[in-house]
Amino acid sequence: MAVPKRKTSKARRDKRRAPNMKMTLPGLSVCPKCQEVKLPHRVCPNCNYYDGKEVIASEA
């Protein structure tokens, strides 16, 4: 079984983990119908509309 010859330093270890720390929030867009913030290319969770059409029948 392979065993490391030297201890991995904290700097080297943290350099390897660094790309995961740079994750950012996804871009947000505004729903043209209700003006609420939503994820792009998805049904609006507030009014259930996508591309000007009601996709999910509202229960109200």
C-alpha atoms as a PDB file:
ATOM      1  CA  MET A   1       0.000   0.000   0.000  1.00  0.00           C
ATOM      2  CA  ALA A   2       1.315   3.446  -0.911  1.00  0.00           C
ATOM      3  CA  VAL A   3       2.244   5.680   2.012  1.00  0.00           C
ATOM      4  CA  PRO A   4       3.170   9.393   1.723  1.00  0.00           C
ATOM      5  CA  LYS A   5       6.864  10.069   2.317  1.00  0.00           C
ATOM      6  CA  ARG A   6       6.286  13.526   3.796  1.00  0.00           C
ATOM      7  CA  LYS A   7       3.528  15.341   5.640  1.00  0.00           C
ATOM      8  CA  THR A   8       1.404  17.537   3.373  1.00  0.00           C
ATOM      9  CA  SER A   9       1.766  21.129   4.504  1.00  0.00           C
ATOM     10  CA  LYS A  10      -1.280  23.223   5.378  1.00  0.00           C
ATOM     11  CA  ALA A  11      -0.539  25.587   2.497  1.00  0.00           C
ATOM     12  CA  ARG A  12      -0.430  22.777  -0.070  1.00  0.00           C
ATOM     13  CA  ARG A  13      -3.555  21.185   1.367  1.00  0.00           C
ATOM     14  CA  ASP A  14      -5.442  24.488   1.334  1.00  0.00           C
ATOM     15  CA  LYS A  15      -4.333  25.278  -2.237  1.00  0.00           C
ATOM     16  CA  ARG A  16      -5.992  22.071  -3.337  1.00  0.00           C
ATOM     17  CA  ARG A  17      -9.240  23.028  -1.578  1.00  0.00           C
ATOM     18  CA  ALA A  18      -9.251  26.660  -2.780  1.00  0.00           C
ATOM     19  CA  PRO A  19     -11.320  26.297  -6.003  1.00  0.00           C
ATOM     20  CA  ASN A  20     -14.338  25.119  -4.021  1.00  0.00           C
ATOM     21  CA  MET A  21     -14.265  28.276  -1.892  1.00  0.00           C
ATOM     22  CA  LYS A  22     -14.675  30.517  -4.962  1.00  0.00           C
ATOM     23  CA  MET A  23     -18.230  29.364  -5.696  1.00  0.00           C
ATOM     24  CA  THR A  24     -20.620  32.243  -6.241  1.00  0.00           C
ATOM     25  CA  LEU A  25     -24.374  32.626  -6.164  1.00  0.00           C
ATOM     26  CA  PRO A  26     -26.207  31.901  -9.399  1.00  0.00           C
ATOM     27  CA  GLY A  27     -27.333  34.844 -11.483  1.00  0.00           C
ATOM     28  CA  LEU A  28     -30.851  35.957 -10.659  1.00  0.00           C
ATOM     29  CA  SER A  29     -33.468  37.432 -12.956  1.00  0.00           C
ATOM     30  CA  VAL A  30     -36.761  39.240 -12.435  1.00  0.00           C
ATOM     31  CA  CYS A  31     -40.084  37.629 -13.327  1.00  0.00           C
ATOM     32  CA  PRO A  32     -41.778  39.779 -15.997  1.00  0.00           C
ATOM     33  CA  LYS A  33     -45.237  39.000 -14.616  1.00  0.00           C
ATOM     34  CA  CYS A  34     -44.920  39.515 -10.838  1.00  0.00           C
ATOM     35  CA  GLN A  35     -41.514  41.292 -10.636  1.00  0.00           C
ATOM     36  CA  GLU A  36     -40.188  38.775  -8.075  1.00  0.00           C
ATOM     37  CA  VAL A  37     -36.593  37.551  -8.160  1.00  0.00           C
ATOM     38  CA  LYS A  38     -36.217  34.038  -9.601  1.00  0.00           C
ATOM     39  CA  LEU A  39     -33.605  31.761 -11.128  1.00  0.00           C
ATOM     40  CA  PRO A  40     -33.310  32.177 -14.898  1.00  0.00           C
ATOM     41  CA  HIS A  41     -34.896  29.556 -17.197  1.00  0.00           C
ATOM     42  CA  ARG A  42     -37.120  28.230 -14.397  1.00  0.00           C
ATOM     43  CA  VAL A  43     -40.759  28.538 -13.411  1.00  0.00           C
ATOM     44  CA  CYS A  44     -41.388  31.473 -11.086  1.00  0.00           C
ATOM     45  CA  PRO A  45     -42.098  30.073  -7.601  1.00  0.00           C
ATOM     46  CA  ASN A  46     -44.369  33.028  -6.820  1.00  0.00           C
ATOM     47  CA  CYS A  47     -46.773  33.121  -9.792  1.00  0.00           C
ATOM     48  CA  ASN A  48     -46.035  29.722 -11.479  1.00  0.00           C
ATOM     49  CA  TYR A  49     -45.504  31.344 -14.896  1.00  0.00           C
ATOM     50  CA  TYR A  50     -42.764  30.593 -17.424  1.00  0.00           C
ATOM     51  CA  ASP A  51     -42.386  32.307 -20.810  1.00  0.00           C
ATOM     52  CA  GLY A  52     -45.710  34.111 -20.358  1.00  0.00           C
ATOM     53  CA  LYS A  53     -47.717  30.920 -19.766  1.00  0.00           C
ATOM     54  CA  GLU A  54     -49.015  29.398 -16.535  1.00  0.00           C
ATOM     55  CA  VAL A  55     -47.132  26.127 -16.152  1.00  0.00           C
ATOM     56  CA  ILE A  56     -48.361  24.902 -12.779  1.00  0.00           C
ATOM     57  CA  ALA A  57     -52.023  25.447 -11.944  1.00  0.00           C
ATOM     58  CA  SER A  58     -52.228  27.689  -8.881  1.00  0.00           C
ATOM     59  CA  GLU A  59     -54.248  26.392  -5.940  1.00  0.00           C
ATOM     60  CA  ALA A  60     -55.719  29.787  -5.021  1.00  0.00           C
END
